[in-house]
C-alpha atoms as a PDB file:
ATOM      1  CA  MET A   1      14.223  -1.011 -40.817  1.00  0.00           C
ATOM      2  CA  THR A   2      10.612  -2.293 -41.649  1.00  0.00           C
ATOM      3  CA  SER A   3       8.800  -5.270 -40.451  1.00  0.00           C
ATOM      4  CA  THR A   4       5.176  -7.063 -40.987  1.00  0.00           C
ATOM      5  CA  ASP A   5       2.477  -6.716 -38.839  1.00  0.00           C
ATOM      6  CA  ARG A   6       1.715 -10.621 -37.800  1.00  0.00           C
ATOM      7  CA  THR A   7      -1.886 -10.284 -38.168  1.00  0.00           C
ATOM      8  CA  THR A   8      -2.604  -8.014 -41.262  1.00  0.00           C
ATOM      9  CA  GLY A   9       0.982  -8.764 -43.021  1.00  0.00           C
ATOM     10  CA  THR A  10       1.141  -4.674 -43.524  1.00  0.00           C
ATOM     11  CA  VAL A  11       4.883  -3.923 -43.858  1.00  0.00           C
ATOM     12  CA  THR A  12       5.185  -0.881 -40.919  1.00  0.00           C
ATOM     13  CA  ASP A  13       8.281   1.491 -40.238  1.00  0.00           C
ATOM     14  CA  ARG A  14       9.676   0.070 -37.228  1.00  0.00           C
ATOM     15  CA  ALA A  15      10.433   3.095 -35.693  1.00  0.00           C
ATOM     16  CA  THR A  16       7.350   3.972 -35.939  1.00  0.00           C
ATOM     17  CA  SER A  17       5.992   0.484 -34.384  1.00  0.00           C
ATOM     18  CA  ALA A  18       8.745   1.254 -31.016  1.00  0.00           C
ATOM     19  CA  ALA A  19       7.071   4.302 -30.558  1.00  0.00           C
ATOM     20  CA  THR A  20       3.642   3.150 -30.361  1.00  0.00           C
ATOM     21  CA  ALA A  21       4.428  -0.158 -28.416  1.00  0.00           C
ATOM     22  CA  VAL A  22       3.486  -0.469 -25.103  1.00  0.00           C
ATOM     23  CA  VAL A  23       6.614  -3.065 -24.988  1.00  0.00           C
ATOM     24  CA  ASP A  24       9.330  -3.482 -27.919  1.00  0.00           C
ATOM     25  CA  PHE A  25      12.016  -6.042 -27.788  1.00  0.00           C
ATOM     26  CA  ASP A  26      14.390  -5.492 -30.823  1.00  0.00           C
ATOM     27  CA  GLN A  27      17.006  -8.288 -31.630  1.00  0.00           C
ATOM     28  CA  VAL A  28      17.495  -8.857 -27.634  1.00  0.00           C
ATOM     29  CA  SER A  29      19.906 -11.278 -26.618  1.00  0.00           C
ATOM     30  CA  LYS A  30      21.149 -12.377 -22.999  1.00  0.00           C
ATOM     31  CA  SER A  31      23.354 -14.805 -22.462  1.00  0.00           C
ATOM     32  CA  TYR A  32      24.757 -16.830 -18.840  1.00  0.00           C
ATOM     33  CA  GLY A  33      28.265 -18.368 -19.842  1.00  0.00           C
ATOM     34  CA  ALA A  34      27.546 -20.682 -22.223  1.00  0.00           C
ATOM     35  CA  VAL A  35      23.581 -20.738 -22.253  1.00  0.00           C
ATOM     36  CA  HIS A  36      21.736 -18.272 -24.370  1.00  0.00           C
ATOM     37  CA  ALA A  37      18.633 -17.693 -22.523  1.00  0.00           C
ATOM     38  CA  VAL A  38      17.384 -14.772 -25.159  1.00  0.00           C
ATOM     39  CA  ALA A  39      18.668 -15.185 -28.688  1.00  0.00           C
ATOM     40  CA  GLY A  40      17.839 -12.491 -31.049  1.00  0.00           C
ATOM     41  CA  LEU A  41      14.370 -11.693 -29.334  1.00  0.00           C
ATOM     42  CA  SER A  42      11.911  -9.586 -31.073  1.00  0.00           C
ATOM     43  CA  LEU A  43       8.439  -8.610 -30.207  1.00  0.00           C
ATOM     44  CA  ALA A  44       5.814  -5.594 -29.637  1.00  0.00           C
ATOM     45  CA  LEU A  45       2.959  -5.542 -27.179  1.00  0.00           C
ATOM     46  CA  HIS A  46       0.141  -3.102 -27.869  1.00  0.00           C
ATOM     47  CA  PRO A  47      -2.510  -1.293 -25.351  1.00  0.00           C
ATOM     48  CA  GLY A  48      -5.273  -3.889 -24.503  1.00  0.00           C
ATOM     49  CA  GLU A  49      -3.637  -6.759 -25.515  1.00  0.00           C
ATOM     50  CA  THR A  50      -3.495  -9.991 -22.756  1.00  0.00           C
ATOM     51  CA  VAL A  51      -0.681 -11.727 -23.620  1.00  0.00           C
ATOM     52  CA  ALA A  52       0.613 -15.315 -22.483  1.00  0.00           C
ATOM     53  CA  LEU A  53       4.050 -16.226 -22.465  1.00  0.00           C
ATOM     54  CA  LEU A  54       4.558 -19.866 -22.863  1.00  0.00           C
ATOM     55  CA  GLY A  55       7.438 -22.029 -22.702  1.00  0.00           C
ATOM     56  CA  PRO A  56       8.948 -25.314 -21.655  1.00  0.00           C
ATOM     57  CA  ASN A  57      11.688 -24.614 -18.473  1.00  0.00           C
ATOM     58  CA  GLY A  58      15.034 -22.886 -19.560  1.00  0.00           C
ATOM     59  CA  ALA A  59      12.968 -21.661 -22.376  1.00  0.00           C
ATOM     60  CA  GLY A  60      13.736 -17.961 -21.405  1.00  0.00           C
ATOM     61  CA  LYS A  61      10.838 -17.041 -20.025  1.00  0.00           C
ATOM     62  CA  SER A  62      11.929 -15.276 -16.854  1.00  0.00           C
ATOM     63  CA  THR A  63      14.990 -13.889 -18.407  1.00  0.00           C
ATOM     64  CA  ALA A  64      12.615 -12.049 -20.909  1.00  0.00           C
ATOM     65  CA  LEU A  65      10.448 -10.616 -17.879  1.00  0.00           C
ATOM     66  CA  ASP A  66      13.533  -9.615 -16.220  1.00  0.00           C
ATOM     67  CA  LEU A  67      15.253  -7.716 -18.899  1.00  0.00           C
ATOM     68  CA  LEU A  68      11.618  -5.836 -19.657  1.00  0.00           C
ATOM     69  CA  LEU A  69      11.706  -4.902 -16.006  1.00  0.00           C
ATOM     70  CA  GLY A  70      15.105  -3.549 -16.313  1.00  0.00           C
ATOM     71  CA  LEU A  71      16.177  -6.230 -13.640  1.00  0.00           C
ATOM     72  CA  ARG A  72      18.685  -7.537 -16.289  1.00  0.00           C
ATOM     73  CA  LYS A  73      20.575  -5.866 -18.946  1.00  0.00           C
ATOM     74  CA  ALA A  74      20.802  -7.591 -22.334  1.00  0.00           C
ATOM     75  CA  ASP A  75      23.961  -8.357 -24.028  1.00  0.00           C
ATOM     76  CA  SER A  76      22.718  -6.729 -26.930  1.00  0.00           C
ATOM     77  CA  GLY A  77      19.745  -5.206 -28.711  1.00  0.00           C
ATOM     78  CA  THR A  78      17.618  -2.806 -26.952  1.00  0.00           C
ATOM     79  CA  VAL A  79      14.326  -3.202 -24.615  1.00  0.00           C
ATOM     80  CA  THR A  80      11.719  -0.567 -24.797  1.00  0.00           C
ATOM     81  CA  LEU A  81       8.671   0.536 -22.680  1.00  0.00           C
ATOM     82  CA  PHE A  82       6.024   3.469 -24.184  1.00  0.00           C
ATOM     83  CA  GLY A  83       9.129   4.422 -26.027  1.00  0.00           C
ATOM     84  CA  THR A  84      11.384   4.950 -23.071  1.00  0.00           C
ATOM     85  CA  SER A  85      13.774   2.491 -20.938  1.00  0.00           C
ATOM     86  CA  PRO A  86      12.378   0.166 -18.622  1.00  0.00           C
ATOM     87  CA  GLN A  87      13.846   2.118 -15.485  1.00  0.00           C
ATOM     88  CA  GLU A  88      12.445   5.327 -16.709  1.00  0.00           C
ATOM     89  CA  ALA A  89       8.765   3.548 -17.301  1.00  0.00           C
ATOM     90  CA  ILE A  90       8.570   2.023 -13.951  1.00  0.00           C
ATOM     91  CA  ALA A  91       9.664   5.449 -12.253  1.00  0.00           C
ATOM     92  CA  ALA A  92       6.608   7.056 -13.779  1.00  0.00           C
ATOM     93  CA  GLY A  93       4.491   4.459 -12.634  1.00  0.00           C
ATOM     94  CA  ARG A  94       3.269   3.161 -15.653  1.00  0.00           C
ATOM     95  CA  VAL A  95       4.224  -0.903 -14.583  1.00  0.00           C
ATOM     96  CA  GLY A  96       3.022  -3.008 -12.296  1.00  0.00           C
ATOM     97  CA  ALA A  97       4.903  -6.262 -11.588  1.00  0.00           C
ATOM     98  CA  MET A  98       4.252  -9.875  -9.800  1.00  0.00           C
ATOM     99  CA  LEU A  99       7.046 -12.188 -10.194  1.00  0.00           C
ATOM    100  CA  GLN A 100       7.668 -15.208  -8.438  1.00  0.00           C
ATOM    101  CA  SER A 101      11.102 -14.767  -7.022  1.00  0.00           C
ATOM    102  CA  GLY A 102      11.126 -12.523  -4.186  1.00  0.00           C
ATOM    103  CA  GLY A 103       9.720 -12.425  -0.382  1.00  0.00           C
ATOM    104  CA  LEU A 104       7.364  -9.665   1.326  1.00  0.00           C
ATOM    105  CA  MET A 105       7.924  -7.904   4.103  1.00  0.00           C
ATOM    106  CA  GLU A 106       6.832  -9.842   7.079  1.00  0.00           C
ATOM    107  CA  GLU A 107       6.374  -7.921  10.460  1.00  0.00           C
ATOM    108  CA  VAL A 108       3.334  -6.156   8.993  1.00  0.00           C
ATOM    109  CA  THR A 109      -0.072  -6.534   8.176  1.00  0.00           C
ATOM    110  CA  VAL A 110      -1.495  -6.566   4.947  1.00  0.00           C
ATOM    111  CA  ARG A 111      -3.539  -3.242   5.050  1.00  0.00           C
ATOM    112  CA  GLU A 112      -0.229  -1.956   6.112  1.00  0.00           C
ATOM    113  CA  LEU A 113       1.845  -3.366   3.331  1.00  0.00           C
ATOM    114  CA  VAL A 114      -0.558  -2.533   0.882  1.00  0.00           C
ATOM    115  CA  THR A 115      -0.900   1.240   1.815  1.00  0.00           C
ATOM    116  CA  LEU A 116       2.984   1.565   1.884  1.00  0.00           C
ATOM    117  CA  ALA A 117       2.634   0.665  -2.195  1.00  0.00           C
ATOM    118  CA  CYS A 118      -0.403   2.719  -2.816  1.00  0.00           C
ATOM    119  CA  ALA A 119       1.970   5.703  -0.790  1.00  0.00           C
ATOM    120  CA  LEU A 120       4.839   5.323  -3.257  1.00  0.00           C
ATOM    121  CA  HIS A 121       2.953   4.516  -6.362  1.00  0.00           C
ATOM    122  CA  PRO A 122       2.743   7.804  -8.555  1.00  0.00           C
ATOM    123  CA  ARG A 123      -0.422   7.250  -9.515  1.00  0.00           C
ATOM    124  CA  PRO A 124      -2.334   5.649  -6.271  1.00  0.00           C
ATOM    125  CA  TYR A 125      -5.558   4.022  -6.046  1.00  0.00           C
ATOM    126  CA  ALA A 126      -7.457   3.876  -2.888  1.00  0.00           C
ATOM    127  CA  VAL A 127      -6.046   1.742  -0.306  1.00  0.00           C
ATOM    128  CA  SER A 128      -9.672   0.097  -0.016  1.00  0.00           C
ATOM    129  CA  ASP A 129     -10.023  -0.414  -3.280  1.00  0.00           C
ATOM    130  CA  VAL A 130      -6.971  -2.472  -4.208  1.00  0.00           C
ATOM    131  CA  LEU A 131      -8.100  -4.535  -1.314  1.00  0.00           C
ATOM    132  CA  ALA A 132     -11.097  -5.334  -2.970  1.00  0.00           C
ATOM    133  CA  GLY A 133      -9.537  -5.665  -6.339  1.00  0.00           C
ATOM    134  CA  ALA A 134      -7.657  -8.645  -5.169  1.00  0.00           C
ATOM    135  CA  GLY A 135     -10.007  -9.787  -2.975  1.00  0.00           C
ATOM    136  CA  ILE A 136      -8.190  -9.592   0.121  1.00  0.00           C
ATOM    137  CA  THR A 137     -10.097  -7.367   2.443  1.00  0.00           C
ATOM    138  CA  ARG A 138     -10.861 -10.101   4.542  1.00  0.00           C
ATOM    139  CA  ILE A 139      -7.086 -11.022   5.609  1.00  0.00           C
ATOM    140  CA  ALA A 140      -5.980  -7.191   5.760  1.00  0.00           C
ATOM    141  CA  ASP A 141      -5.630  -6.676   9.272  1.00  0.00           C
ATOM    142  CA  ARG A 142      -3.485 -10.635   9.177  1.00  0.00           C
ATOM    143  CA  MET A 143       0.035 -10.758   9.628  1.00  0.00           C
ATOM    144  CA  VAL A 144       2.053 -11.220   6.259  1.00  0.00           C
ATOM    145  CA  ASN A 145       3.640 -14.374   7.549  1.00  0.00           C
ATOM    146  CA  LYS A 146       0.495 -16.127   8.763  1.00  0.00           C
ATOM    147  CA  LEU A 147      -0.610 -15.981   4.798  1.00  0.00           C
ATOM    148  CA  SER A 148      -1.248 -19.231   3.170  1.00  0.00           C
ATOM    149  CA  GLY A 149       0.604 -19.811  -0.701  1.00  0.00           C
ATOM    150  CA  GLY A 150      -2.163 -18.639  -2.200  1.00  0.00           C
ATOM    151  CA  GLN A 151      -3.049 -15.876   0.060  1.00  0.00           C
ATOM    152  CA  GLU A 152       0.095 -14.497  -0.420  1.00  0.00           C
ATOM    153  CA  GLN A 153      -0.419 -14.563  -4.223  1.00  0.00           C
ATOM    154  CA  ARG A 154      -3.006 -12.106  -3.780  1.00  0.00           C
ATOM    155  CA  VAL A 155      -1.110  -9.674  -1.695  1.00  0.00           C
ATOM    156  CA  ARG A 156       1.747  -9.964  -4.400  1.00  0.00           C
ATOM    157  CA  PHE A 157      -1.088  -9.131  -7.303  1.00  0.00           C
ATOM    158  CA  ALA A 158      -2.662  -6.375  -4.916  1.00  0.00           C
ATOM    159  CA  LEU A 159       1.204  -4.711  -4.806  1.00  0.00           C
ATOM    160  CA  ALA A 160       1.319  -4.908  -8.477  1.00  0.00           C
ATOM    161  CA  THR A 161      -2.056  -2.943  -9.198  1.00  0.00           C
ATOM    162  CA  ALA A 162      -1.575  -0.491  -6.523  1.00  0.00           C
ATOM    163  CA  GLY A 163      -2.171   2.078  -8.829  1.00  0.00           C
ATOM    164  CA  ALA A 164      -3.196   3.012 -12.401  1.00  0.00           C
ATOM    165  CA  ASN A 165      -0.494   0.801 -14.138  1.00  0.00           C
ATOM    166  CA  ASP A 166      -0.656   1.079 -18.366  1.00  0.00           C
ATOM    167  CA  LEU A 167       1.323  -2.479 -18.168  1.00  0.00           C
ATOM    168  CA  ILE A 168       0.598  -5.149 -15.982  1.00  0.00           C
ATOM    169  CA  VAL A 169       3.329  -8.071 -15.646  1.00  0.00           C
ATOM    170  CA  LEU A 170       2.710 -11.550 -14.049  1.00  0.00           C
ATOM    171  CA  ASP A 171       5.154 -14.456 -13.372  1.00  0.00           C
ATOM    172  CA  GLU A 172       3.084 -17.688 -12.723  1.00  0.00           C
ATOM    173  CA  PRO A 173       0.638 -15.431 -11.162  1.00  0.00           C
ATOM    174  CA  THR A 174      -2.136 -18.007  -9.708  1.00  0.00           C
ATOM    175  CA  THR A 175       0.225 -20.530  -8.381  1.00  0.00           C
ATOM    176  CA  GLY A 176      -1.217 -21.644  -5.116  1.00  0.00           C
ATOM    177  CA  MET A 177      -4.903 -20.170  -5.544  1.00  0.00           C
ATOM    178  CA  ASP A 178      -7.632 -22.055  -5.570  1.00  0.00           C
ATOM    179  CA  VAL A 179      -9.949 -22.825  -8.248  1.00  0.00           C
ATOM    180  CA  THR A 180     -12.314 -19.634  -6.810  1.00  0.00           C
ATOM    181  CA  ALA A 181      -9.637 -17.235  -6.218  1.00  0.00           C
ATOM    182  CA  ARG A 182      -8.285 -18.236  -9.760  1.00  0.00           C
ATOM    183  CA  GLN A 183     -11.323 -17.542 -11.642  1.00  0.00           C
ATOM    184  CA  ALA A 184     -11.700 -14.058  -9.583  1.00  0.00           C
ATOM    185  CA  PHE A 185      -8.349 -12.862  -9.916  1.00  0.00           C
ATOM    186  CA  TRP A 186      -8.596 -13.585 -14.233  1.00  0.00           C
ATOM    187  CA  ALA A 187     -12.395 -11.615 -13.747  1.00  0.00           C
ATOM    188  CA  THR A 188     -10.246  -8.912 -12.613  1.00  0.00           C
ATOM    189  CA  MET A 189      -7.314  -9.246 -15.253  1.00  0.00           C
ATOM    190  CA  ARG A 190      -9.888  -8.943 -18.011  1.00  0.00           C
ATOM    191  CA  GLU A 191     -11.388  -5.334 -16.281  1.00  0.00           C
ATOM    192  CA  GLN A 192      -8.015  -4.166 -16.417  1.00  0.00           C
ATOM    193  CA  ALA A 193      -7.462  -5.066 -20.437  1.00  0.00           C
ATOM    194  CA  ARG A 194     -10.855  -3.539 -20.558  1.00  0.00           C
ATOM    195  CA  GLN A 195      -9.762   0.017 -19.695  1.00  0.00           C
ATOM    196  CA  GLY A 196      -6.773  -0.240 -22.186  1.00  0.00           C
ATOM    197  CA  ARG A 197      -4.327  -1.963 -20.263  1.00  0.00           C
ATOM    198  CA  THR A 198      -1.580  -4.276 -21.110  1.00  0.00           C
ATOM    199  CA  VAL A 199      -1.414  -7.447 -19.389  1.00  0.00           C
ATOM    200  CA  LEU A 200       1.663 -10.309 -20.260  1.00  0.00           C
ATOM    201  CA  PHE A 201       1.804 -13.481 -17.984  1.00  0.00           C
ATOM    202  CA  ALA A 202       3.833 -16.290 -18.184  1.00  0.00           C
ATOM    203  CA  THR A 203       2.130 -19.958 -17.071  1.00  0.00           C
ATOM    204  CA  HIS A 204       2.389 -23.378 -16.791  1.00  0.00           C
ATOM    205  CA  TYR A 205      -1.492 -23.324 -16.845  1.00  0.00           C
ATOM    206  CA  LEU A 206      -1.986 -23.512 -20.362  1.00  0.00           C
ATOM    207  CA  GLU A 207      -5.600 -23.547 -19.804  1.00  0.00           C
ATOM    208  CA  GLU A 208      -5.890 -20.302 -18.378  1.00  0.00           C
ATOM    209  CA  ALA A 209      -3.385 -19.101 -21.128  1.00  0.00           C
ATOM    210  CA  ASP A 210      -6.256 -20.405 -23.779  1.00  0.00           C
ATOM    211  CA  ALA A 211      -9.450 -19.053 -21.956  1.00  0.00           C
ATOM    212  CA  ILE A 212      -7.665 -15.794 -21.184  1.00  0.00           C
ATOM    213  CA  ALA A 213      -4.899 -14.662 -23.585  1.00  0.00           C
ATOM    214  CA  ASP A 214      -5.936 -12.922 -26.919  1.00  0.00           C
ATOM    215  CA  ARG A 215      -2.341 -13.374 -27.748  1.00  0.00           C
ATOM    216  CA  VAL A 216      -0.231 -16.357 -26.811  1.00  0.00           C
ATOM    217  CA  LEU A 217       3.695 -16.219 -27.470  1.00  0.00           C
ATOM    218  CA  VAL A 218       5.734 -19.253 -27.326  1.00  0.00           C
ATOM    219  CA  LEU A 219       9.343 -19.596 -26.369  1.00  0.00           C
ATOM    220  CA  HIS A 220      12.290 -22.113 -26.970  1.00  0.00           C
ATOM    221  CA  ARG A 221      15.408 -22.057 -26.617  1.00  0.00           C
ATOM    222  CA  GLY A 222      15.669 -17.770 -26.112  1.00  0.00           C
ATOM    223  CA  LYS A 223      13.617 -17.243 -29.589  1.00  0.00           C
ATOM    224  CA  LEU A 224      10.342 -16.542 -30.429  1.00  0.00           C
ATOM    225  CA  LEU A 225       8.506 -19.886 -31.619  1.00  0.00           C
ATOM    226  CA  ALA A 226       4.991 -19.098 -32.198  1.00  0.00           C
ATOM    227  CA  ASP A 227       3.052 -15.901 -31.997  1.00  0.00           C
ATOM    228  CA  GLY A 228      -0.827 -15.565 -32.477  1.00  0.00           C
ATOM    229  CA  THR A 229      -4.096 -16.213 -30.824  1.00  0.00           C
ATOM    230  CA  ALA A 230      -4.554 -19.392 -29.621  1.00  0.00           C
ATOM    231  CA  THR A 231      -6.679 -20.340 -32.662  1.00  0.00           C
ATOM    232  CA  GLU A 232      -3.887 -19.770 -34.606  1.00  0.00           C
ATOM    233  CA  ILE A 233      -0.957 -21.897 -32.192  1.00  0.00           C
ATOM    234  CA  LYS A 234      -3.716 -24.745 -32.368  1.00  0.00           C
ATOM    235  CA  ALA A 235      -3.776 -24.726 -35.920  1.00  0.00           C
ATOM    236  CA  LYS A 236       0.343 -24.265 -36.471  1.00  0.00           C
ATOM    237  CA  ALA A 237       0.657 -27.721 -34.972  1.00  0.00           C
ATOM    238  CA  GLY A 238      -1.022 -29.552 -37.942  1.00  0.00           C
ATOM    239  CA  ALA A 239      -2.864 -32.189 -36.021  1.00  0.00           C
ATOM    240  CA  ARG A 240      -6.299 -33.415 -35.005  1.00  0.00           C
ATOM    241  CA  ARG A 241      -6.779 -35.669 -31.957  1.00  0.00           C
ATOM    242  CA  ILE A 242      -8.798 -38.987 -32.580  1.00  0.00           C
ATOM    243  CA  SER A 243     -10.633 -40.615 -29.508  1.00  0.00           C
ATOM    244  CA  PHE A 244     -12.906 -43.767 -29.637  1.00  0.00           C
ATOM    245  CA  ASP A 245     -13.518 -47.393 -27.831  1.00  0.00           C
ATOM    246  CA  LEU A 246     -12.807 -50.600 -29.080  1.00  0.00           C
ATOM    247  CA  THR A 247     -14.601 -53.555 -27.345  1.00  0.00           C
ATOM    248  CA  GLY A 248     -16.539 -57.129 -27.568  1.00  0.00           C
ATOM    249  CA  PRO A 249     -15.556 -58.856 -30.913  1.00  0.00           C
ATOM    250  CA  ASP A 250     -13.985 -55.970 -33.025  1.00  0.00           C
ATOM    251  CA  GLY A 251     -10.667 -56.806 -35.307  1.00  0.00           C
ATOM    252  CA  LEU A 252      -8.309 -55.297 -33.507  1.00  0.00           C
ATOM    253  CA  THR A 253      -9.453 -57.368 -30.033  1.00  0.00           C
ATOM    254  CA  GLY A 254      -7.459 -60.464 -28.942  1.00  0.00           C
ATOM    255  CA  PRO A 255      -8.270 -62.841 -26.299  1.00  0.00           C
ATOM    256  CA  GLY A 256      -9.862 -60.562 -22.799  1.00  0.00           C
ATOM    257  CA  GLY A 257     -10.113 -58.130 -25.219  1.00  0.00           C
ATOM    258  CA  VAL A 258      -6.796 -56.840 -25.218  1.00  0.00           C
ATOM    259  CA  ILE A 259      -6.367 -53.971 -28.100  1.00  0.00           C
ATOM    260  CA  ASP A 260      -3.421 -55.009 -30.888  1.00  0.00           C
ATOM    261  CA  GLU A 261      -1.701 -51.919 -30.852  1.00  0.00           C
ATOM    262  CA  GLU A 262       0.365 -52.514 -33.728  1.00  0.00           C
ATOM    263  CA  ALA A 263      -2.413 -52.655 -36.080  1.00  0.00           C
ATOM    264  CA  LEU A 264      -3.181 -49.305 -34.884  1.00  0.00           C
ATOM    265  CA  ARG A 265       0.625 -47.983 -34.992  1.00  0.00           C
ATOM    266  CA  GLY A 266      -0.016 -48.658 -38.789  1.00  0.00           C
ATOM    267  CA  LEU A 267      -2.418 -46.410 -39.508  1.00  0.00           C
ATOM    268  CA  PRO A 268      -1.550 -43.425 -41.817  1.00  0.00           C
ATOM    269  CA  SER A 269      -0.562 -39.833 -40.554  1.00  0.00           C
ATOM    270  CA  LEU A 270      -0.687 -41.023 -37.096  1.00  0.00           C
ATOM    271  CA  SER A 271       1.987 -38.650 -34.386  1.00  0.00           C
ATOM    272  CA  SER A 272       0.988 -40.257 -31.156  1.00  0.00           C
ATOM    273  CA  LEU A 273      -0.804 -43.379 -30.126  1.00  0.00           C
ATOM    274  CA  SER A 274      -2.142 -44.193 -26.608  1.00  0.00           C
ATOM    275  CA  VAL A 275      -4.231 -46.885 -25.398  1.00  0.00           C
ATOM    276  CA  SER A 276      -6.300 -46.960 -21.939  1.00  0.00           C
ATOM    277  CA  GLY A 277      -8.324 -49.983 -21.432  1.00  0.00           C
ATOM    278  CA  ALA A 278     -10.539 -50.023 -24.301  1.00  0.00           C
ATOM    279  CA  THR A 279      -9.930 -46.146 -25.115  1.00  0.00           C
ATOM    280  CA  VAL A 280      -7.714 -45.339 -27.452  1.00  0.00           C
ATOM    281  CA  ARG A 281      -6.516 -42.162 -28.350  1.00  0.00           C
ATOM    282  CA  MET A 282      -3.970 -40.570 -30.965  1.00  0.00           C
ATOM    283  CA  GLN A 283      -3.294 -37.606 -32.770  1.00  0.00           C
ATOM    284  CA  SER A 284      -2.948 -37.154 -36.699  1.00  0.00           C
ATOM    285  CA  HIS A 285      -1.621 -34.915 -38.930  1.00  0.00           C
ATOM    286  CA  ASN A 286      -4.741 -36.038 -41.710  1.00  0.00           C
ATOM    287  CA  ALA A 287      -7.356 -37.012 -39.076  1.00  0.00           C
ATOM    288  CA  ASP A 288      -9.480 -37.922 -42.404  1.00  0.00           C
ATOM    289  CA  ALA A 289      -7.262 -40.422 -44.044  1.00  0.00           C
ATOM    290  CA  THR A 290      -6.767 -42.144 -40.539  1.00  0.00           C
ATOM    291  CA  VAL A 291     -10.078 -42.917 -39.665  1.00  0.00           C
ATOM    292  CA  HIS A 292     -10.515 -43.891 -43.020  1.00  0.00           C
ATOM    293  CA  ALA A 293      -7.937 -46.164 -42.653  1.00  0.00           C
ATOM    294  CA  LEU A 294      -9.369 -47.405 -39.480  1.00  0.00           C
ATOM    295  CA  TYR A 295     -12.779 -48.774 -40.707  1.00  0.00           C
ATOM    296  CA  GLY A 296     -10.534 -50.381 -43.548  1.00  0.00           C
ATOM    297  CA  LEU A 297      -9.236 -52.464 -40.322  1.00  0.00           C
ATOM    298  CA  GLY A 298     -12.827 -54.012 -40.574  1.00  0.00           C
ATOM    299  CA  VAL A 299     -13.527 -52.344 -37.456  1.00  0.00           C
ATOM    300  CA  TYR A 300     -16.193 -50.318 -35.793  1.00  0.00           C
ATOM    301  CA  PRO A 301     -15.133 -47.621 -33.593  1.00  0.00           C
ATOM    302  CA  ARG A 302     -17.578 -46.635 -30.921  1.00  0.00           C
ATOM    303  CA  ASN A 303     -17.686 -43.314 -29.688  1.00  0.00           C
ATOM    304  CA  LEU A 304     -15.485 -41.873 -32.438  1.00  0.00           C
ATOM    305  CA  GLU A 305     -14.459 -38.266 -31.865  1.00  0.00           C
ATOM    306  CA  VAL A 306     -12.387 -36.100 -33.956  1.00  0.00           C
ATOM    307  CA  ALA A 307     -11.115 -32.374 -32.422  1.00  0.00           C
ATOM    308  CA  GLY A 308      -8.544 -30.382 -33.017  1.00  0.00           C
ATOM    309  CA  LEU A 309      -6.070 -30.252 -30.560  1.00  0.00           C
ATOM    310  CA  GLY A 310      -6.349 -27.948 -27.109  1.00  0.00           C
ATOM    311  CA  LEU A 311      -3.640 -25.505 -26.949  1.00  0.00           C
ATOM    312  CA  GLU A 312      -1.514 -27.654 -24.446  1.00  0.00           C
ATOM    313  CA  GLN A 313      -1.652 -30.148 -26.783  1.00  0.00           C
ATOM    314  CA  ALA A 314      -0.612 -27.971 -29.341  1.00  0.00           C
ATOM    315  CA  PHE A 315       1.912 -26.612 -27.188  1.00  0.00           C
ATOM    316  CA  VAL A 316       3.809 -29.882 -26.806  1.00  0.00           C
ATOM    317  CA  ALA A 317       3.767 -30.968 -30.705  1.00  0.00           C
ATOM    318  CA  ILE A 318       5.052 -27.520 -31.504  1.00  0.00           C
ATOM    319  CA  THR A 319       7.783 -27.506 -28.964  1.00  0.00           C
ATOM    320  CA  GLU A 320       8.661 -31.344 -29.631  1.00  0.00           C
ATOM    321  CA  ALA A 321       8.851 -30.478 -33.193  1.00  0.00           C
ATOM    322  CA  GLU A 322      11.562 -27.937 -32.837  1.00  0.00           C
ATOM    323  CA  GLU A 323      13.451 -29.892 -30.504  1.00  0.00           C
ATOM    324  CA  ALA A 324      13.601 -32.791 -33.325  1.00  0.00           C
ATOM    325  CA  ARG A 325      14.226 -30.130 -35.995  1.00  0.00           C
ATOM    326  CA  THR A 326      17.213 -28.909 -34.145  1.00  0.00           C
ATOM    327  CA  ALA A 327      18.744 -31.987 -32.817  1.00  0.00           C
END
């Protein structure tokens, strides 16, 4: 079987690709009754990539991670890690995971828990290095059941990085962390990737995916809807943001400065519009045509800005377009 590389367009042998991939999903499906959580999913991850897994609730992200980690069995298709089964790769100490589900041992200190994780890992790091890397040295002697939510997350991260893993899987890793902790966390993840490790993380913080990931996967109803860099995902949405102010005697403002939204909705290529006070924000599939028509209405927009969509807006646009297509 052959496949086409997503970045170069080169046709490659699928068996060769799977053998060299860190993670390989080959036509993987998983259902729960009538719900198709994962539907014919095929993708491959490679060494040194930092990959964000995005999707609305119910897109199949958690199920995909469970299949990757061998926590669930696929109904059809195959999942391999480093050319072997997930169970074999995990037993060899090649995979570290930080999941949302599952609690922590409570009647122990943070240091004791991390020490246990290091002792169980086939290729352990020094306990002091793991504590420092997760930013929890200062709370090492605190009981686990006395930690805040953000501190618990950092302990989970320490457990996931207790040894020399080649793949690190993170499910909503920064939930509950403050800004400083999140920045420190991602600095550590960048260093892991620089050392050649593959980092896969699912997140609802799309600004993190935009800033951190060098590759973004968008799942929708168990299928891979988009795969590329953040810039490529934004371009796929095919829209741009337009914002401006309308105040005073402009032709589109009536008594009391109220903006005539109906006139704006008649602009060409418009895909969305919102008005907040004197500020107008819109998205357009042809920003040049929209702005030209705006001036044609005989108004002078102030503080006009035209920019590409952010990853969050692009994500919403892509998934909404898919919902409309399959409705």
